[in-house]
All heavy atoms as atom14 arrays in JSON, in Angstrom:
{
  "sequence": "PGKEREFVATCNMSGYSTAYADSVKGRFTISRDNAK",
  "atom14_mask": [
    [1, 1, 1, 1, 1, 1, 1, 0, 0, 0, 0, 0, 0, 0],
    [1, 1, 1, 1, 0, 0, 0, 0, 0, 0, 0, 0, 0, 0],
    [1, 1, 1, 1, 1, 1, 1, 1, 1, 0, 0, 0, 0, 0],
    [1, 1, 1, 1, 1, 1, 1, 1, 1, 0, 0, 0, 0, 0],
    [1, 1, 1, 1, 1, 1, 1, 1, 1, 1, 1, 0, 0, 0],
    [1, 1, 1, 1, 1, 1, 1, 1, 1, 0, 0, 0, 0, 0],
    [1, 1, 1, 1, 1, 1, 1, 1, 1, 1, 1, 0, 0, 0],
    [1, 1, 1, 1, 1, 1, 1, 0, 0, 0, 0, 0, 0, 0],
    [1, 1, 1, 1, 1, 0, 0, 0, 0, 0, 0, 0, 0, 0],
    [1, 1, 1, 1, 1, 1, 1, 0, 0, 0, 0, 0, 0, 0],
    [1, 1, 1, 1, 1, 1, 0, 0, 0, 0, 0, 0, 0, 0],
    [1, 1, 1, 1, 1, 1, 1, 1, 0, 0, 0, 0, 0, 0],
    [1, 1, 1, 1, 1, 1, 1, 1, 0, 0, 0, 0, 0, 0],
    [1, 1, 1, 1, 1, 1, 0, 0, 0, 0, 0, 0, 0, 0],
    [1, 1, 1, 1, 0, 0, 0, 0, 0, 0, 0, 0, 0, 0],
    [1, 1, 1, 1, 1, 1, 1, 1, 1, 1, 1, 1, 0, 0],
    [1, 1, 1, 1, 1, 1, 0, 0, 0, 0, 0, 0, 0, 0],
    [1, 1, 1, 1, 1, 1, 1, 0, 0, 0, 0, 0, 0, 0],
    [1, 1, 1, 1, 1, 0, 0, 0, 0, 0, 0, 0, 0, 0],
    [1, 1, 1, 1, 1, 1, 1, 1, 1, 1, 1, 1, 0, 0],
    [1, 1, 1, 1, 1, 0, 0, 0, 0, 0, 0, 0, 0, 0],
    [1, 1, 1, 1, 1, 1, 1, 1, 0, 0, 0, 0, 0, 0],
    [1, 1, 1, 1, 1, 1, 0, 0, 0, 0, 0, 0, 0, 0],
    [1, 1, 1, 1, 1, 1, 1, 0, 0, 0, 0, 0, 0, 0],
    [1, 1, 1, 1, 1, 1, 1, 1, 1, 0, 0, 0, 0, 0],
    [1, 1, 1, 1, 0, 0, 0, 0, 0, 0, 0, 0, 0, 0],
    [1, 1, 1, 1, 1, 1, 1, 1, 1, 1, 1, 0, 0, 0],
    [1, 1, 1, 1, 1, 1, 1, 1, 1, 1, 1, 0, 0, 0],
    [1, 1, 1, 1, 1, 1, 1, 0, 0, 0, 0, 0, 0, 0],
    [1, 1, 1, 1, 1, 1, 1, 1, 0, 0, 0, 0, 0, 0],
    [1, 1, 1, 1, 1, 1, 0, 0, 0, 0, 0, 0, 0, 0],
    [1, 1, 1, 1, 1, 1, 1, 1, 1, 1, 1, 0, 0, 0],
    [1, 1, 1, 1, 1, 1, 1, 1, 0, 0, 0, 0, 0, 0],
    [1, 1, 1, 1, 1, 1, 1, 1, 0, 0, 0, 0, 0, 0],
    [1, 1, 1, 1, 1, 0, 0, 0, 0, 0, 0, 0, 0, 0],
    [1, 1, 1, 1, 1, 1, 1, 1, 1, 0, 0, 0, 0, 0]
  ],
  "atom14_positions": [
    [[4.05, 3.15, 18.46], [4.22, 4.08, 19.58], [5.58, 4.77, 19.57], [6.62, 4.12, 19.42], [4.08, 3.16, 20.8], [3.22, 2.03, 20.33], [3.64, 1.81, 18.9], [0.0, 0.0, 0.0], [0.0, 0.0, 0.0], [0.0, 0.0, 0.0], [0.0, 0.0, 0.0], [0.0, 0.0, 0.0], [0.0, 0.0, 0.0], [0.0, 0.0, 0.0]],
    [[5.56, 6.09, 19.71], [6.78, 6.86, 19.77], [7.49, 7.08, 18.45], [8.6, 7.6, 18.43], [0.0, 0.0, 0.0], [0.0, 0.0, 0.0], [0.0, 0.0, 0.0], [0.0, 0.0, 0.0], [0.0, 0.0, 0.0], [0.0, 0.0, 0.0], [0.0, 0.0, 0.0], [0.0, 0.0, 0.0], [0.0, 0.0, 0.0], [0.0, 0.0, 0.0]],
    [[6.87, 6.68, 17.35], [7.5, 6.8, 16.04], [6.65, 7.6, 15.08], [5.46, 7.81, 15.3], [7.78, 5.41, 15.46], [8.77, 4.58, 16.26], [9.13, 3.29, 15.57], [10.17, 2.52, 16.36], [10.55, 1.26, 15.69], [0.0, 0.0, 0.0], [0.0, 0.0, 0.0], [0.0, 0.0, 0.0], [0.0, 0.0, 0.0], [0.0, 0.0, 0.0]],
    [[7.28, 8.06, 14.01], [6.59, 8.81, 12.98], [5.69, 7.9, 12.16], [5.96, 6.69, 12.02], [7.58, 9.52, 12.07], [8.41, 10.6, 12.74], [7.6, 11.83, 13.05], [6.72, 12.18, 12.24], [7.85, 12.44, 14.09], [0.0, 0.0, 0.0], [0.0, 0.0, 0.0], [0.0, 0.0, 0.0], [0.0, 0.0, 0.0], [0.0, 0.0, 0.0]],
    [[4.66, 8.48, 11.6], [3.81, 7.74, 10.67], [4.62, 7.4, 9.42], [5.3, 8.27, 8.86], [2.58, 8.56, 10.31], [1.52, 7.81, 9.53], [0.21, 8.58, 9.49], [-0.32, 8.81, 10.83], [-1.5, 9.38, 11.06], [-2.27, 9.78, 10.07], [-1.91, 9.55, 12.32], [0.0, 0.0, 0.0], [0.0, 0.0, 0.0], [0.0, 0.0, 0.0]],
    [[4.55, 6.17, 8.96], [5.37, 5.73, 7.86], [4.55, 5.09, 6.75], [3.49, 4.5, 6.98], [6.47, 4.77, 8.32], [5.96, 3.44, 8.83], [7.08, 2.48, 9.2], [8.27, 2.86, 9.1], [6.77, 1.34, 9.6], [0.0, 0.0, 0.0], [0.0, 0.0, 0.0], [0.0, 0.0, 0.0], [0.0, 0.0, 0.0], [0.0, 0.0, 0.0]],
    [[5.09, 5.2, 5.57], [4.5, 4.61, 4.37], [4.5, 3.09, 4.45], [5.48, 2.48, 4.88], [5.33, 5.09, 3.17], [5.23, 4.24, 1.94], [4.08, 4.23, 1.17], [6.3, 3.47, 1.54], [4.0, 3.47, 0.02], [6.24, 2.7, 0.4], [5.08, 2.7, -0.36], [0.0, 0.0, 0.0], [0.0, 0.0, 0.0], [0.0, 0.0, 0.0]],
    [[3.4, 2.49, 4.03], [3.29, 1.04, 3.91], [3.07, 0.63, 2.46], [3.83, -0.18, 1.91], [2.15, 0.48, 4.79], [1.99, -1.02, 4.56], [2.41, 0.78, 6.26], [0.0, 0.0, 0.0], [0.0, 0.0, 0.0], [0.0, 0.0, 0.0], [0.0, 0.0, 0.0], [0.0, 0.0, 0.0], [0.0, 0.0, 0.0], [0.0, 0.0, 0.0]],
    [[2.04, 1.19, 1.83], [1.71, 0.81, 0.46], [0.81, 1.87, -0.15], [0.06, 2.55, 0.56], [1.01, -0.55, 0.4], [0.0, 0.0, 0.0], [0.0, 0.0, 0.0], [0.0, 0.0, 0.0], [0.0, 0.0, 0.0], [0.0, 0.0, 0.0], [0.0, 0.0, 0.0], [0.0, 0.0, 0.0], [0.0, 0.0, 0.0], [0.0, 0.0, 0.0]],
    [[0.86, 2.01, -1.47], [-0.01, 2.92, -2.2], [-0.47, 2.27, -3.5], [0.18, 1.37, -4.01], [0.66, 4.25, -2.54], [1.85, 4.01, -3.31], [1.01, 5.05, -1.29], [0.0, 0.0, 0.0], [0.0, 0.0, 0.0], [0.0, 0.0, 0.0], [0.0, 0.0, 0.0], [0.0, 0.0, 0.0], [0.0, 0.0, 0.0], [0.0, 0.0, 0.0]],
    [[-1.58, 2.75, -4.03], [-1.99, 2.39, -5.38], [-2.67, 3.58, -6.02], [-3.19, 4.47, -5.35], [-2.9, 1.16, -5.37], [-4.52, 1.37, -4.63], [0.0, 0.0, 0.0], [0.0, 0.0, 0.0], [0.0, 0.0, 0.0], [0.0, 0.0, 0.0], [0.0, 0.0, 0.0], [0.0, 0.0, 0.0], [0.0, 0.0, 0.0], [0.0, 0.0, 0.0]],
    [[-2.68, 3.58, -7.35], [-3.27, 4.69, -8.07], [-4.78, 4.55, -8.14], [-5.38, 3.68, -7.51], [-2.64, 4.82, -9.45], [-2.99, 3.67, -10.39], [-3.63, 2.7, -10.01], [-2.56, 3.8, -11.65], [0.0, 0.0, 0.0], [0.0, 0.0, 0.0], [0.0, 0.0, 0.0], [0.0, 0.0, 0.0], [0.0, 0.0, 0.0], [0.0, 0.0, 0.0]],
    [[-5.41, 5.42, -8.92], [-6.87, 5.51, -8.93], [-7.54, 4.22, -9.39], [-8.62, 3.88, -8.9], [-7.31, 6.67, -9.82], [-6.87, 8.03, -9.31], [-7.09, 9.37, -10.51], [-8.87, 9.41, -10.66], [0.0, 0.0, 0.0], [0.0, 0.0, 0.0], [0.0, 0.0, 0.0], [0.0, 0.0, 0.0], [0.0, 0.0, 0.0], [0.0, 0.0, 0.0]],
    [[-6.92, 3.52, -10.31], [-7.5, 2.28, -10.81], [-7.04, 1.05, -10.03], [-7.65, -0.02, -10.16], [-7.13, 2.09, -12.28], [-5.75, 1.87, -12.43], [0.0, 0.0, 0.0], [0.0, 0.0, 0.0], [0.0, 0.0, 0.0], [0.0, 0.0, 0.0], [0.0, 0.0, 0.0], [0.0, 0.0, 0.0], [0.0, 0.0, 0.0], [0.0, 0.0, 0.0]],
    [[-5.98, 1.2, -9.24], [-5.38, 0.07, -8.57], [-4.35, -0.67, -9.39], [-3.75, -1.63, -8.91], [0.0, 0.0, 0.0], [0.0, 0.0, 0.0], [0.0, 0.0, 0.0], [0.0, 0.0, 0.0], [0.0, 0.0, 0.0], [0.0, 0.0, 0.0], [0.0, 0.0, 0.0], [0.0, 0.0, 0.0], [0.0, 0.0, 0.0], [0.0, 0.0, 0.0]],
    [[-4.11, -0.22, -10.61], [-3.2, -0.9, -11.5], [-1.75, -0.78, -11.04], [-0.99, -1.76, -11.12], [-3.35, -0.33, -12.92], [-2.4, -0.94, -13.93], [-2.65, -2.19, -14.47], [-1.27, -0.24, -14.35], [-1.79, -2.74, -15.41], [-0.41, -0.78, -15.28], [-0.67, -2.03, -15.81], [0.19, -2.58, -16.73], [0.0, 0.0, 0.0], [0.0, 0.0, 0.0]],
    [[-1.35, 0.4, -10.59], [0.03, 0.64, -10.15], [0.08, 0.62, -8.63], [-0.69, 1.31, -7.97], [0.55, 1.96, -10.68], [0.61, 1.96, -12.1], [0.0, 0.0, 0.0], [0.0, 0.0, 0.0], [0.0, 0.0, 0.0], [0.0, 0.0, 0.0], [0.0, 0.0, 0.0], [0.0, 0.0, 0.0], [0.0, 0.0, 0.0], [0.0, 0.0, 0.0]],
    [[1.01, -0.16, -8.1], [1.15, -0.28, -6.65], [2.6, -0.07, -6.25], [3.52, -0.24, -7.05], [0.67, -1.65, -6.15], [1.45, -2.68, -6.78], [-0.8, -1.86, -6.49], [0.0, 0.0, 0.0], [0.0, 0.0, 0.0], [0.0, 0.0, 0.0], [0.0, 0.0, 0.0], [0.0, 0.0, 0.0], [0.0, 0.0, 0.0], [0.0, 0.0, 0.0]],
    [[2.8, 0.3, -5.01], [4.13, 0.46, -4.45], [4.11, 0.04, -2.99], [3.09, 0.19, -2.3], [4.59, 1.91, -4.58], [0.0, 0.0, 0.0], [0.0, 0.0, 0.0], [0.0, 0.0, 0.0], [0.0, 0.0, 0.0], [0.0, 0.0, 0.0], [0.0, 0.0, 0.0], [0.0, 0.0, 0.0], [0.0, 0.0, 0.0], [0.0, 0.0, 0.0]],
    [[5.25, -0.47, -2.53], [5.34, -0.99, -1.17], [6.63, -0.56, -0.5], [7.67, -0.41, -1.15], [5.3, -2.52, -1.18], [4.04, -3.1, -1.75], [3.95, -3.41, -3.1], [2.93, -3.33, -0.95], [2.79, -3.93, -3.64], [1.76, -3.85, -1.48], [1.69, -4.15, -2.82], [0.53, -4.67, -3.35], [0.0, 0.0, 0.0], [0.0, 0.0, 0.0]],
    [[6.56, -0.37, 0.8], [7.76, -0.19, 1.57], [8.59, -1.47, 1.53], [8.05, -2.58, 1.47], [7.42, 0.17, 3.02], [0.0, 0.0, 0.0], [0.0, 0.0, 0.0], [0.0, 0.0, 0.0], [0.0, 0.0, 0.0], [0.0, 0.0, 0.0], [0.0, 0.0, 0.0], [0.0, 0.0, 0.0], [0.0, 0.0, 0.0], [0.0, 0.0, 0.0]],
    [[9.91, -1.31, 1.58], [10.78, -2.47, 1.54], [10.48, -3.45, 2.68], [10.6, -4.66, 2.51], [12.25, -2.04, 1.61], [12.73, -1.39, 0.34], [12.08, -1.55, -0.71], [13.78, -0.71, 0.39], [0.0, 0.0, 0.0], [0.0, 0.0, 0.0], [0.0, 0.0, 0.0], [0.0, 0.0, 0.0], [0.0, 0.0, 0.0], [0.0, 0.0, 0.0]],
    [[10.06, -2.92, 3.81], [9.83, -3.76, 4.97], [8.62, -4.69, 4.82], [8.52, -5.67, 5.56], [9.64, -2.88, 6.21], [8.54, -2.0, 6.05], [0.0, 0.0, 0.0], [0.0, 0.0, 0.0], [0.0, 0.0, 0.0], [0.0, 0.0, 0.0], [0.0, 0.0, 0.0], [0.0, 0.0, 0.0], [0.0, 0.0, 0.0], [0.0, 0.0, 0.0]],
    [[7.72, -4.39, 3.88], [6.52, -5.2, 3.72], [6.43, -5.85, 2.35], [5.53, -6.68, 2.13], [5.24, -4.4, 4.0], [5.31, -3.72, 5.35], [4.98, -3.37, 2.89], [0.0, 0.0, 0.0], [0.0, 0.0, 0.0], [0.0, 0.0, 0.0], [0.0, 0.0, 0.0], [0.0, 0.0, 0.0], [0.0, 0.0, 0.0], [0.0, 0.0, 0.0]],
    [[7.31, -5.49, 1.44], [7.26, -6.02, 0.08], [7.34, -7.54, 0.1], [8.19, -8.12, 0.77], [8.38, -5.42, -0.75], [8.28, -5.76, -2.23], [9.36, -5.03, -3.02], [9.24, -5.31, -4.51], [10.29, -4.59, -5.28], [0.0, 0.0, 0.0], [0.0, 0.0, 0.0], [0.0, 0.0, 0.0], [0.0, 0.0, 0.0], [0.0, 0.0, 0.0]],
    [[6.45, -8.17, -0.65], [6.39, -9.62, -0.69], [5.49, -10.23, 0.36], [5.17, -11.42, 0.26], [0.0, 0.0, 0.0], [0.0, 0.0, 0.0], [0.0, 0.0, 0.0], [0.0, 0.0, 0.0], [0.0, 0.0, 0.0], [0.0, 0.0, 0.0], [0.0, 0.0, 0.0], [0.0, 0.0, 0.0], [0.0, 0.0, 0.0], [0.0, 0.0, 0.0]],
    [[5.08, -9.44, 1.34], [4.19, -9.93, 2.4], [2.82, -9.27, 2.36], [1.83, -9.91, 2.7], [4.82, -9.7, 3.77], [6.16, -10.4, 3.96], [6.65, -10.29, 5.41], [6.9, -8.91, 5.8], [6.28, -8.29, 6.8], [5.36, -8.92, 7.51], [6.59, -7.03, 7.09], [0.0, 0.0, 0.0], [0.0, 0.0, 0.0], [0.0, 0.0, 0.0]],
    [[2.77, -7.99, 1.99], [1.53, -7.23, 1.97], [1.08, -6.99, 0.53], [1.91, -6.87, -0.37], [1.7, -5.86, 2.65], [1.91, -5.92, 4.14], [2.14, -7.1, 4.82], [1.87, -4.74, 4.87], [2.33, -7.13, 6.19], [2.05, -4.74, 6.24], [2.29, -5.94, 6.9], [0.0, 0.0, 0.0], [0.0, 0.0, 0.0], [0.0, 0.0, 0.0]],
    [[-0.22, -6.89, 0.34], [-0.79, -6.58, -0.97], [-1.88, -5.53, -0.82], [-2.83, -5.72, -0.06], [-1.39, -7.84, -1.64], [-0.38, -8.85, -1.76], [-1.92, -7.49, -3.03], [0.0, 0.0, 0.0], [0.0, 0.0, 0.0], [0.0, 0.0, 0.0], [0.0, 0.0, 0.0], [0.0, 0.0, 0.0], [0.0, 0.0, 0.0], [0.0, 0.0, 0.0]],
    [[-1.73, -4.43, -1.54], [-2.76, -3.4, -1.55], [-3.66, -3.61, -2.76], [-3.2, -3.98, -3.85], [-2.13, -1.99, -1.57], [-3.2, -0.91, -1.41], [-1.29, -1.76, -2.81], [-2.64, 0.49, -1.21], [0.0, 0.0, 0.0], [0.0, 0.0, 0.0], [0.0, 0.0, 0.0], [0.0, 0.0, 0.0], [0.0, 0.0, 0.0], [0.0, 0.0, 0.0]],
    [[-4.96, -3.4, -2.57], [-5.9, -3.55, -3.66], [-7.11, -2.67, -3.4], [-7.26, -2.1, -2.3], [-6.33, -5.01, -3.84], [-7.0, -5.49, -2.69], [0.0, 0.0, 0.0], [0.0, 0.0, 0.0], [0.0, 0.0, 0.0], [0.0, 0.0, 0.0], [0.0, 0.0, 0.0], [0.0, 0.0, 0.0], [0.0, 0.0, 0.0], [0.0, 0.0, 0.0]],
    [[-7.96, -2.55, -4.39], [-9.17, -1.76, -4.21], [-10.28, -2.31, -5.09], [-10.03, -2.88, -6.16], [-8.9, -0.28, -4.53], [-8.51, 0.0, -5.97], [-7.93, 1.4, -6.13], [-8.9, 2.43, -5.81], [-8.59, 3.71, -5.56], [-7.32, 4.1, -5.57], [-9.55, 4.58, -5.28], [0.0, 0.0, 0.0], [0.0, 0.0, 0.0], [0.0, 0.0, 0.0]],
    [[-11.49, -2.11, -4.64], [-12.69, -2.46, -5.4], [-13.51, -1.19, -5.48], [-14.26, -0.86, -4.56], [-13.45, -3.59, -4.71], [-14.61, -4.09, -5.54], [-15.07, -3.37, -6.45], [-15.07, -5.23, -5.28], [0.0, 0.0, 0.0], [0.0, 0.0, 0.0], [0.0, 0.0, 0.0], [0.0, 0.0, 0.0], [0.0, 0.0, 0.0], [0.0, 0.0, 0.0]],
    [[-13.34, -0.47, -6.57], [-14.01, 0.82, -6.7], [-15.53, 0.69, -6.75], [-16.25, 1.6, -6.34], [-13.5, 1.56, -7.94], [-12.09, 2.09, -7.76], [-11.64, 2.29, -6.63], [-11.39, 2.3, -8.86], [0.0, 0.0, 0.0], [0.0, 0.0, 0.0], [0.0, 0.0, 0.0], [0.0, 0.0, 0.0], [0.0, 0.0, 0.0], [0.0, 0.0, 0.0]],
    [[-16.03, -0.43, -7.26], [-17.46, -0.65, -7.3], [-18.05, -0.73, -5.89], [-19.22, -0.42, -5.69], [-17.8, -1.92, -8.08], [0.0, 0.0, 0.0], [0.0, 0.0, 0.0], [0.0, 0.0, 0.0], [0.0, 0.0, 0.0], [0.0, 0.0, 0.0], [0.0, 0.0, 0.0], [0.0, 0.0, 0.0], [0.0, 0.0, 0.0], [0.0, 0.0, 0.0]],
    [[-17.24, -1.17, -4.93], [-17.67, -1.27, -3.54], [-17.16, -0.12, -2.68], [-17.4, -0.11, -1.47], [-17.22, -2.59, -2.94], [-17.84, -3.81, -3.59], [-17.4, -5.09, -2.89], [-18.07, -6.3, -3.49], [-17.65, -7.56, -2.82], [0.0, 0.0, 0.0], [0.0, 0.0, 0.0], [0.0, 0.0, 0.0], [0.0, 0.0, 0.0], [0.0, 0.0, 0.0]]
  ]
}
C-alpha cells in the first residue's frame, strides 16, 4: 500500500536463469513448469 510496484524475481523462457531482489534472495524461489 502506498508504494511502487517492485521487482521480486524473474526467470527466462526455460527457467534456467533466475534473478532475485536482494530483499528476497535466499528465501524465495522462482520456477516454472512449461508443460503445465
